[in-house]
Structure formats: C-alpha cells, structure tokens
Amino acid sequence: MPNTSPAEAIDQVPLTFSDWTPRHTEDPLHKDLSAVARIGDCLFLACDETASVERLRRLDDGSFGDHQQFSLDALVRLPAGAEGEMDIEGLCAADGFLWVVGSHSGKRSKPKRNENDRAQALQNMEEIEREPNRSFLGRIPLIEE
C-alpha cells in the first residue's frame, strides 16, 4: 500500500476550459476555482469571483473538457444580480440538485506590503462591506441530457 499523506498528490486529471475571458478578476478562471462537485461524468466547478458555475464533462481520454458556463442569475434570483460577487465556497450534489453556497462573510480591505502607515491599514480593515450575493444558499435542479 502506498504511503500517501493528505498533502501528497496521488494523481492528476487535466481540466480544459474553453472560456478564458476574465470576469471580475484579472486571473484566468482556472486560477480562481474555489469549489468542485462531481456528478457521474461531470465536474461542476465554481470560481469565488463570479456568479456562475462551470461544467466539464469527462472525455474519452480521462480528462475533463467540453466546458460550459452557467450564469446563476439565469437560474435563480440573486440579491445583487449577476454583477455582484458571490464568493462561492461550496458545491454539493444531492438528490438531483446542485447546491451552491456563498462564503457568508463580510469583505474588508487587505493591508498592502508596501503600506508604511500601520495605523491607517488597521483602520481600513475595520470597514466591513456587505455584499448580498455572498449570503447565497440555493439549489439548482440537475437535468440529465
């Protein structure tokens, strides 16, 4: 039996996304993934900077591709609409539904490395912004094609 620790990669599976258009972030989609759920031959993934779910299908070679994006505002009512950040942190498939959960956290500024005024940096962190889409919990019916 191989010696595998939680931090040790066992295997890798290639993921191919067809839509690399940046959304609310400068990073490409694949660098901002925050949640994944597998349902049969499909992977559902979410980026914490968007209000969408990405679907990849398992291909004959074992990789995942055939990327399709689903904008959540087309499927459910989002409090701040599609432009509001959701900070999706969880996906779960159960009983024919894909559950989506936002972080439910407030947003605050992060101190910058070159910021010399520590008191100002701490004061900036005291300001907490509430974004309604972050408090989202919803389910989407899964329909087999």
N, C-alpha and C. Protein backbone atom coordinates (compact mmCIF):
# COMPACT_ATOMS: atom_id res chain seq x y z
N MET A 1 0.85 -1.17 0.00
CA MET A 1 0.00 0.00 0.00
C MET A 1 0.90 1.24 0.00
N PRO A 2 0.64 2.21 -0.93
CA PRO A 2 1.50 3.39 -1.00
C PRO A 2 1.31 4.28 0.22
N ASN A 3 2.38 4.97 0.57
CA ASN A 3 2.34 5.91 1.68
C ASN A 3 1.84 7.24 1.15
N THR A 4 0.60 7.59 1.44
CA THR A 4 0.03 8.86 0.97
C THR A 4 -0.42 9.69 2.15
N SER A 5 0.06 10.90 2.21
CA SER A 5 -0.38 11.84 3.23
C SER A 5 -1.37 12.79 2.59
N PRO A 6 -2.17 13.52 3.38
CA PRO A 6 -3.15 14.43 2.80
C PRO A 6 -2.53 15.49 1.88
N ALA A 7 -1.27 15.83 2.07
CA ALA A 7 -0.63 16.86 1.26
C ALA A 7 0.04 16.31 0.01
N GLU A 8 -0.01 15.02 -0.17
CA GLU A 8 0.68 14.38 -1.28
C GLU A 8 -0.30 14.08 -2.42
N ALA A 9 0.03 14.53 -3.62
CA ALA A 9 -0.82 14.27 -4.78
C ALA A 9 -0.77 12.79 -5.15
N ILE A 10 -1.92 12.21 -5.38
CA ILE A 10 -2.00 10.81 -5.78
C ILE A 10 -2.01 10.70 -7.30
N ASP A 11 -2.72 11.61 -7.96
CA ASP A 11 -2.83 11.60 -9.40
C ASP A 11 -3.30 12.98 -9.84
N GLN A 12 -3.25 13.23 -11.12
CA GLN A 12 -3.73 14.50 -11.67
C GLN A 12 -4.65 14.21 -12.84
N VAL A 13 -5.65 15.06 -12.99
CA VAL A 13 -6.59 14.94 -14.09
C VAL A 13 -6.60 16.28 -14.83
N PRO A 14 -6.31 16.28 -16.13
CA PRO A 14 -6.33 17.53 -16.89
C PRO A 14 -7.75 18.10 -17.00
N LEU A 15 -7.87 19.41 -16.79
CA LEU A 15 -9.12 20.14 -16.95
C LEU A 15 -8.92 21.16 -18.07
N THR A 16 -9.82 21.17 -19.05
CA THR A 16 -9.70 22.11 -20.16
C THR A 16 -10.92 23.01 -20.20
N PHE A 17 -10.67 24.32 -20.03
CA PHE A 17 -11.74 25.31 -20.07
C PHE A 17 -11.69 26.01 -21.42
N SER A 18 -12.84 26.19 -22.05
CA SER A 18 -12.88 26.84 -23.36
C SER A 18 -13.06 28.34 -23.25
N ASP A 19 -13.54 28.82 -22.12
CA ASP A 19 -13.81 30.25 -21.97
C ASP A 19 -12.81 30.83 -20.97
N TRP A 20 -11.80 31.51 -21.46
CA TRP A 20 -10.77 32.06 -20.58
C TRP A 20 -10.96 33.54 -20.33
N THR A 21 -12.10 34.08 -20.71
CA THR A 21 -12.35 35.50 -20.53
C THR A 21 -12.38 35.84 -19.04
N PRO A 22 -11.54 36.77 -18.59
CA PRO A 22 -11.59 37.16 -17.18
C PRO A 22 -12.95 37.75 -16.84
N ARG A 23 -13.40 37.48 -15.65
CA ARG A 23 -14.68 38.01 -15.20
C ARG A 23 -14.40 39.18 -14.28
N HIS A 24 -14.68 39.06 -13.01
CA HIS A 24 -14.46 40.15 -12.06
C HIS A 24 -13.03 40.18 -11.55
N THR A 25 -12.17 39.45 -12.17
CA THR A 25 -10.81 39.33 -11.70
C THR A 25 -9.84 39.35 -12.86
N GLU A 26 -8.60 39.63 -12.57
CA GLU A 26 -7.58 39.63 -13.62
C GLU A 26 -7.06 38.22 -13.89
N ASP A 27 -7.21 37.32 -12.94
CA ASP A 27 -6.71 35.95 -13.09
C ASP A 27 -7.61 35.15 -14.03
N PRO A 28 -7.03 34.21 -14.77
CA PRO A 28 -7.86 33.32 -15.57
C PRO A 28 -8.72 32.44 -14.65
N LEU A 29 -9.79 31.96 -15.19
CA LEU A 29 -10.76 31.17 -14.43
C LEU A 29 -10.10 30.04 -13.64
N HIS A 30 -9.22 29.30 -14.28
CA HIS A 30 -8.65 28.11 -13.63
C HIS A 30 -7.81 28.45 -12.40
N LYS A 31 -7.41 29.70 -12.23
CA LYS A 31 -6.60 30.08 -11.06
C LYS A 31 -7.45 30.55 -9.89
N ASP A 32 -8.77 30.64 -10.08
CA ASP A 32 -9.65 31.14 -9.03
C ASP A 32 -10.72 30.14 -8.61
N LEU A 33 -10.53 28.88 -8.90
CA LEU A 33 -11.53 27.89 -8.55
C LEU A 33 -11.58 27.70 -7.03
N SER A 34 -12.79 27.63 -6.49
CA SER A 34 -12.94 27.53 -5.05
C SER A 34 -13.82 26.37 -4.61
N ALA A 35 -14.52 25.73 -5.54
CA ALA A 35 -15.41 24.63 -5.16
C ALA A 35 -15.56 23.67 -6.34
N VAL A 36 -15.79 22.40 -6.01
CA VAL A 36 -15.99 21.38 -7.05
C VAL A 36 -16.94 20.31 -6.53
N ALA A 37 -17.76 19.79 -7.42
CA ALA A 37 -18.62 18.64 -7.12
C ALA A 37 -18.65 17.77 -8.36
N ARG A 38 -18.57 16.47 -8.16
CA ARG A 38 -18.62 15.53 -9.28
C ARG A 38 -19.95 14.80 -9.26
N ILE A 39 -20.56 14.72 -10.45
CA ILE A 39 -21.81 14.02 -10.62
C ILE A 39 -21.65 13.16 -11.87
N GLY A 40 -21.48 11.87 -11.68
CA GLY A 40 -21.28 10.98 -12.81
C GLY A 40 -20.05 11.39 -13.60
N ASP A 41 -20.23 11.66 -14.88
CA ASP A 41 -19.12 12.05 -15.75
C ASP A 41 -18.95 13.56 -15.85
N CYS A 42 -19.57 14.30 -14.96
CA CYS A 42 -19.47 15.76 -15.00
C CYS A 42 -18.82 16.30 -13.73
N LEU A 43 -17.99 17.32 -13.92
CA LEU A 43 -17.46 18.10 -12.80
C LEU A 43 -18.14 19.46 -12.85
N PHE A 44 -18.66 19.90 -11.73
CA PHE A 44 -19.17 21.25 -11.61
C PHE A 44 -18.18 22.01 -10.75
N LEU A 45 -17.74 23.17 -11.24
CA LEU A 45 -16.73 23.96 -10.55
C LEU A 45 -17.23 25.38 -10.41
N ALA A 46 -16.75 26.07 -9.38
CA ALA A 46 -17.12 27.47 -9.18
C ALA A 46 -15.88 28.28 -8.89
N CYS A 47 -15.93 29.50 -9.34
CA CYS A 47 -14.86 30.47 -9.10
C CYS A 47 -15.39 31.43 -8.04
N ASP A 48 -14.58 31.77 -7.06
CA ASP A 48 -15.09 32.63 -6.00
C ASP A 48 -15.26 34.09 -6.41
N GLU A 49 -14.91 34.44 -7.62
CA GLU A 49 -15.05 35.82 -8.08
C GLU A 49 -16.23 36.01 -9.02
N THR A 50 -16.96 34.96 -9.33
CA THR A 50 -18.03 35.06 -10.32
C THR A 50 -19.37 34.65 -9.74
N ALA A 51 -20.40 34.82 -10.52
CA ALA A 51 -21.74 34.36 -10.18
C ALA A 51 -22.15 33.31 -11.21
N SER A 52 -21.29 32.31 -11.37
CA SER A 52 -21.55 31.26 -12.35
C SER A 52 -21.00 29.93 -11.87
N VAL A 53 -21.46 28.88 -12.52
CA VAL A 53 -20.95 27.53 -12.29
C VAL A 53 -20.46 27.01 -13.63
N GLU A 54 -19.31 26.36 -13.61
CA GLU A 54 -18.71 25.81 -14.82
C GLU A 54 -18.92 24.30 -14.82
N ARG A 55 -19.26 23.75 -15.99
CA ARG A 55 -19.40 22.30 -16.09
C ARG A 55 -18.38 21.76 -17.08
N LEU A 56 -17.67 20.73 -16.67
CA LEU A 56 -16.76 19.99 -17.55
C LEU A 56 -17.24 18.55 -17.63
N ARG A 57 -17.14 17.96 -18.81
CA ARG A 57 -17.52 16.55 -18.99
C ARG A 57 -16.27 15.70 -19.11
N ARG A 58 -16.36 14.48 -18.61
CA ARG A 58 -15.25 13.52 -18.75
C ARG A 58 -15.17 13.10 -20.21
N LEU A 59 -13.98 13.21 -20.76
CA LEU A 59 -13.75 12.85 -22.17
C LEU A 59 -13.20 11.43 -22.26
N ASP A 60 -13.15 10.90 -23.45
CA ASP A 60 -12.72 9.51 -23.66
C ASP A 60 -11.31 9.25 -23.14
N ASP A 61 -10.44 10.25 -23.15
CA ASP A 61 -9.06 10.06 -22.68
C ASP A 61 -8.92 10.20 -21.16
N GLY A 62 -10.03 10.41 -20.44
CA GLY A 62 -9.99 10.53 -18.98
C GLY A 62 -9.87 11.95 -18.48
N SER A 63 -9.58 12.88 -19.36
CA SER A 63 -9.51 14.28 -18.96
C SER A 63 -10.93 14.86 -18.90
N PHE A 64 -11.04 16.10 -18.46
CA PHE A 64 -12.33 16.78 -18.42
C PHE A 64 -12.27 17.99 -19.32
N GLY A 65 -13.29 18.16 -20.17
CA GLY A 65 -13.36 19.28 -21.10
C GLY A 65 -14.80 19.55 -21.47
N ASP A 66 -15.04 19.96 -22.71
CA ASP A 66 -16.39 20.30 -23.17
C ASP A 66 -17.02 21.30 -22.20
N HIS A 67 -16.28 22.35 -21.92
CA HIS A 67 -16.64 23.36 -20.93
C HIS A 67 -17.93 24.10 -21.30
N GLN A 68 -18.79 24.24 -20.30
CA GLN A 68 -19.99 25.06 -20.46
C GLN A 68 -20.17 25.86 -19.19
N GLN A 69 -20.44 27.16 -19.36
CA GLN A 69 -20.65 28.05 -18.22
C GLN A 69 -22.15 28.28 -18.02
N PHE A 70 -22.59 28.27 -16.76
CA PHE A 70 -23.98 28.55 -16.42
C PHE A 70 -24.00 29.77 -15.50
N SER A 71 -24.58 30.84 -15.98
CA SER A 71 -24.70 32.05 -15.18
C SER A 71 -25.83 31.84 -14.18
N LEU A 72 -25.53 32.00 -12.91
CA LEU A 72 -26.53 31.69 -11.88
C LEU A 72 -27.72 32.63 -11.91
N ASP A 73 -27.54 33.88 -12.36
CA ASP A 73 -28.68 34.80 -12.40
C ASP A 73 -29.72 34.37 -13.43
N ALA A 74 -29.36 33.49 -14.37
CA ALA A 74 -30.33 32.96 -15.34
C ALA A 74 -31.13 31.81 -14.73
N LEU A 75 -30.65 31.27 -13.61
CA LEU A 75 -31.29 30.10 -13.00
C LEU A 75 -32.01 30.42 -11.69
N VAL A 76 -31.51 31.39 -10.96
CA VAL A 76 -32.08 31.76 -9.66
C VAL A 76 -32.01 33.28 -9.51
N ARG A 77 -32.78 33.80 -8.55
CA ARG A 77 -32.74 35.24 -8.28
C ARG A 77 -31.60 35.52 -7.31
N LEU A 78 -30.64 36.32 -7.76
CA LEU A 78 -29.52 36.72 -6.91
C LEU A 78 -29.80 38.09 -6.33
N PRO A 79 -29.58 38.28 -5.04
CA PRO A 79 -29.88 39.56 -4.40
C PRO A 79 -29.23 40.77 -5.08
N ALA A 80 -27.99 40.62 -5.53
CA ALA A 80 -27.28 41.74 -6.17
C ALA A 80 -27.09 41.52 -7.67
N GLY A 81 -27.81 40.57 -8.24
CA GLY A 81 -27.70 40.31 -9.67
C GLY A 81 -26.40 39.63 -10.05
N ALA A 82 -26.18 39.48 -11.34
CA ALA A 82 -25.02 38.75 -11.85
C ALA A 82 -23.71 39.48 -11.62
N GLU A 83 -23.74 40.78 -11.48
CA GLU A 83 -22.50 41.55 -11.31
C GLU A 83 -21.98 41.51 -9.87
N GLY A 84 -22.82 41.14 -8.93
CA GLY A 84 -22.38 41.07 -7.53
C GLY A 84 -21.51 39.85 -7.30
N GLU A 85 -20.43 40.05 -6.55
CA GLU A 85 -19.53 38.93 -6.25
C GLU A 85 -20.23 37.95 -5.30
N MET A 86 -20.09 36.66 -5.57
CA MET A 86 -20.72 35.64 -4.73
C MET A 86 -19.75 35.02 -3.76
N ASP A 87 -18.50 34.96 -4.11
CA ASP A 87 -17.50 34.28 -3.28
C ASP A 87 -17.98 32.86 -2.99
N ILE A 88 -18.29 32.11 -4.06
CA ILE A 88 -18.80 30.74 -3.91
C ILE A 88 -17.71 29.90 -3.24
N GLU A 89 -18.08 29.25 -2.16
CA GLU A 89 -17.13 28.44 -1.40
C GLU A 89 -17.52 26.98 -1.32
N GLY A 90 -18.71 26.64 -1.82
CA GLY A 90 -19.10 25.25 -1.74
C GLY A 90 -20.11 24.84 -2.80
N LEU A 91 -19.94 23.63 -3.30
CA LEU A 91 -20.88 22.98 -4.21
C LEU A 91 -21.13 21.57 -3.68
N CYS A 92 -22.35 21.10 -3.82
CA CYS A 92 -22.67 19.74 -3.39
C CYS A 92 -23.80 19.22 -4.26
N ALA A 93 -23.69 18.00 -4.70
CA ALA A 93 -24.74 17.36 -5.48
C ALA A 93 -25.47 16.36 -4.60
N ALA A 94 -26.79 16.51 -4.52
CA ALA A 94 -27.59 15.58 -3.72
C ALA A 94 -29.02 15.56 -4.23
N ASP A 95 -29.56 14.36 -4.36
CA ASP A 95 -30.98 14.17 -4.70
C ASP A 95 -31.43 14.94 -5.93
N GLY A 96 -30.59 14.99 -6.97
CA GLY A 96 -30.97 15.63 -8.22
C GLY A 96 -30.79 17.14 -8.24
N PHE A 97 -30.10 17.69 -7.26
CA PHE A 97 -29.87 19.13 -7.20
C PHE A 97 -28.40 19.42 -7.02
N LEU A 98 -27.97 20.57 -7.54
CA LEU A 98 -26.65 21.10 -7.27
C LEU A 98 -26.84 22.25 -6.29
N TRP A 99 -26.30 22.09 -5.09
CA TRP A 99 -26.38 23.12 -4.06
C TRP A 99 -25.19 24.05 -4.20
N VAL A 100 -25.44 25.34 -4.05
CA VAL A 100 -24.40 26.37 -4.18
C VAL A 100 -24.45 27.23 -2.93
N VAL A 101 -23.29 27.46 -2.32
CA VAL A 101 -23.25 28.30 -1.12
C VAL A 101 -22.14 29.35 -1.25
N GLY A 102 -22.50 30.57 -0.90
CA GLY A 102 -21.54 31.66 -0.86
C GLY A 102 -20.80 31.64 0.48
N SER A 103 -19.83 32.50 0.62
CA SER A 103 -19.00 32.48 1.82
C SER A 103 -19.72 32.98 3.06
N HIS A 104 -20.76 33.76 2.91
CA HIS A 104 -21.49 34.36 4.03
C HIS A 104 -20.59 35.26 4.88
N SER A 105 -19.52 35.77 4.31
CA SER A 105 -18.60 36.62 5.07
C SER A 105 -18.66 38.05 4.59
N GLY A 106 -18.24 38.95 5.46
CA GLY A 106 -18.09 40.35 5.07
C GLY A 106 -16.78 40.50 4.31
N LYS A 107 -16.64 41.63 3.65
CA LYS A 107 -15.44 41.89 2.85
C LYS A 107 -14.72 43.09 3.45
N ARG A 108 -13.42 42.95 3.61
CA ARG A 108 -12.62 44.07 4.11
C ARG A 108 -11.35 44.19 3.30
N SER A 109 -10.77 45.37 3.34
CA SER A 109 -9.55 45.59 2.56
C SER A 109 -8.38 44.86 3.23
N LYS A 110 -7.43 44.47 2.41
CA LYS A 110 -6.24 43.79 2.91
C LYS A 110 -5.08 44.79 2.94
N PRO A 111 -4.27 44.77 3.98
CA PRO A 111 -3.11 45.67 4.00
C PRO A 111 -2.15 45.32 2.87
N LYS A 112 -1.54 46.34 2.32
CA LYS A 112 -0.57 46.12 1.23
C LYS A 112 0.84 46.07 1.82
N ARG A 113 1.69 45.26 1.24
CA ARG A 113 3.05 45.07 1.75
C ARG A 113 3.84 46.37 1.88
N ASN A 114 3.67 47.26 0.92
CA ASN A 114 4.46 48.48 0.93
C ASN A 114 3.79 49.62 1.69
N GLU A 115 2.70 49.33 2.39
CA GLU A 115 1.99 50.34 3.15
C GLU A 115 2.73 50.59 4.46
N ASN A 116 3.22 51.81 4.64
CA ASN A 116 4.02 52.14 5.81
C ASN A 116 3.18 52.54 7.02
N ASP A 117 2.02 53.10 6.78
CA ASP A 117 1.19 53.58 7.88
C ASP A 117 0.33 52.43 8.42
N ARG A 118 0.84 51.78 9.46
CA ARG A 118 0.14 50.60 10.02
C ARG A 118 -1.20 50.99 10.64
N ALA A 119 -1.25 52.14 11.26
CA ALA A 119 -2.50 52.58 11.89
C ALA A 119 -3.58 52.76 10.83
N GLN A 120 -3.22 53.35 9.69
CA GLN A 120 -4.19 53.53 8.60
C GLN A 120 -4.62 52.18 8.03
N ALA A 121 -3.67 51.25 7.90
CA ALA A 121 -4.00 49.92 7.40
C ALA A 121 -5.00 49.23 8.33
N LEU A 122 -4.79 49.33 9.63
CA LEU A 122 -5.72 48.72 10.60
C LEU A 122 -7.08 49.41 10.54
N GLN A 123 -7.08 50.72 10.40
CA GLN A 123 -8.34 51.45 10.30
C GLN A 123 -9.11 51.02 9.05
N ASN A 124 -8.40 50.85 7.93
CA ASN A 124 -9.06 50.39 6.70
C ASN A 124 -9.67 49.01 6.88
N MET A 125 -9.03 48.16 7.66
CA MET A 125 -9.55 46.80 7.88
C MET A 125 -10.80 46.80 8.76
N GLU A 126 -11.02 47.87 9.51
CA GLU A 126 -12.22 47.96 10.36
C GLU A 126 -13.49 48.12 9.54
N GLU A 127 -13.34 48.65 8.33
CA GLU A 127 -14.50 48.86 7.47
C GLU A 127 -14.88 47.54 6.80
N ILE A 128 -16.08 47.08 7.08
CA ILE A 128 -16.57 45.82 6.52
C ILE A 128 -17.69 46.11 5.54
N GLU A 129 -17.53 45.58 4.35
CA GLU A 129 -18.53 45.76 3.30
C GLU A 129 -19.38 44.49 3.21
N ARG A 130 -20.68 44.66 3.15
CA ARG A 130 -21.58 43.52 2.99
C ARG A 130 -22.00 43.41 1.53
N GLU A 131 -21.82 42.25 0.95
CA GLU A 131 -22.25 42.01 -0.42
C GLU A 131 -23.33 40.93 -0.38
N PRO A 132 -24.56 41.28 -0.78
CA PRO A 132 -25.70 40.37 -0.63
C PRO A 132 -25.51 39.00 -1.27
N ASN A 133 -24.85 38.92 -2.42
CA ASN A 133 -24.69 37.62 -3.09
C ASN A 133 -23.82 36.65 -2.28
N ARG A 134 -22.97 37.16 -1.38
CA ARG A 134 -22.13 36.28 -0.57
C ARG A 134 -22.96 35.46 0.42
N SER A 135 -24.15 35.91 0.73
CA SER A 135 -25.01 35.21 1.68
C SER A 135 -25.97 34.26 0.99
N PHE A 136 -25.62 33.84 -0.21
CA PHE A 136 -26.48 32.99 -1.02
C PHE A 136 -26.37 31.53 -0.62
N LEU A 137 -27.51 30.88 -0.55
CA LEU A 137 -27.59 29.42 -0.44
C LEU A 137 -28.75 29.02 -1.34
N GLY A 138 -28.48 28.21 -2.33
CA GLY A 138 -29.53 27.82 -3.25
C GLY A 138 -29.27 26.48 -3.89
N ARG A 139 -30.28 25.94 -4.51
CA ARG A 139 -30.13 24.68 -5.22
C ARG A 139 -30.68 24.82 -6.62
N ILE A 140 -30.04 24.12 -7.52
CA ILE A 140 -30.41 24.16 -8.93
C ILE A 140 -30.74 22.73 -9.35
N PRO A 141 -31.89 22.51 -9.96
CA PRO A 141 -32.22 21.15 -10.40
C PRO A 141 -31.28 20.69 -11.51
N LEU A 142 -30.83 19.47 -11.41
CA LEU A 142 -29.96 18.89 -12.43
C LEU A 142 -30.82 18.08 -13.40
N ILE A 143 -30.64 18.36 -14.67
CA ILE A 143 -31.40 17.66 -15.69
C ILE A 143 -30.42 16.89 -16.56
N GLU A 144 -30.59 15.58 -16.62
CA GLU A 144 -29.68 14.76 -17.40
C GLU A 144 -29.98 14.93 -18.87
N GLU A 145 -28.90 15.12 -19.66
CA GLU A 145 -29.06 15.28 -21.10
C GLU A 145 -29.02 13.93 -21.78
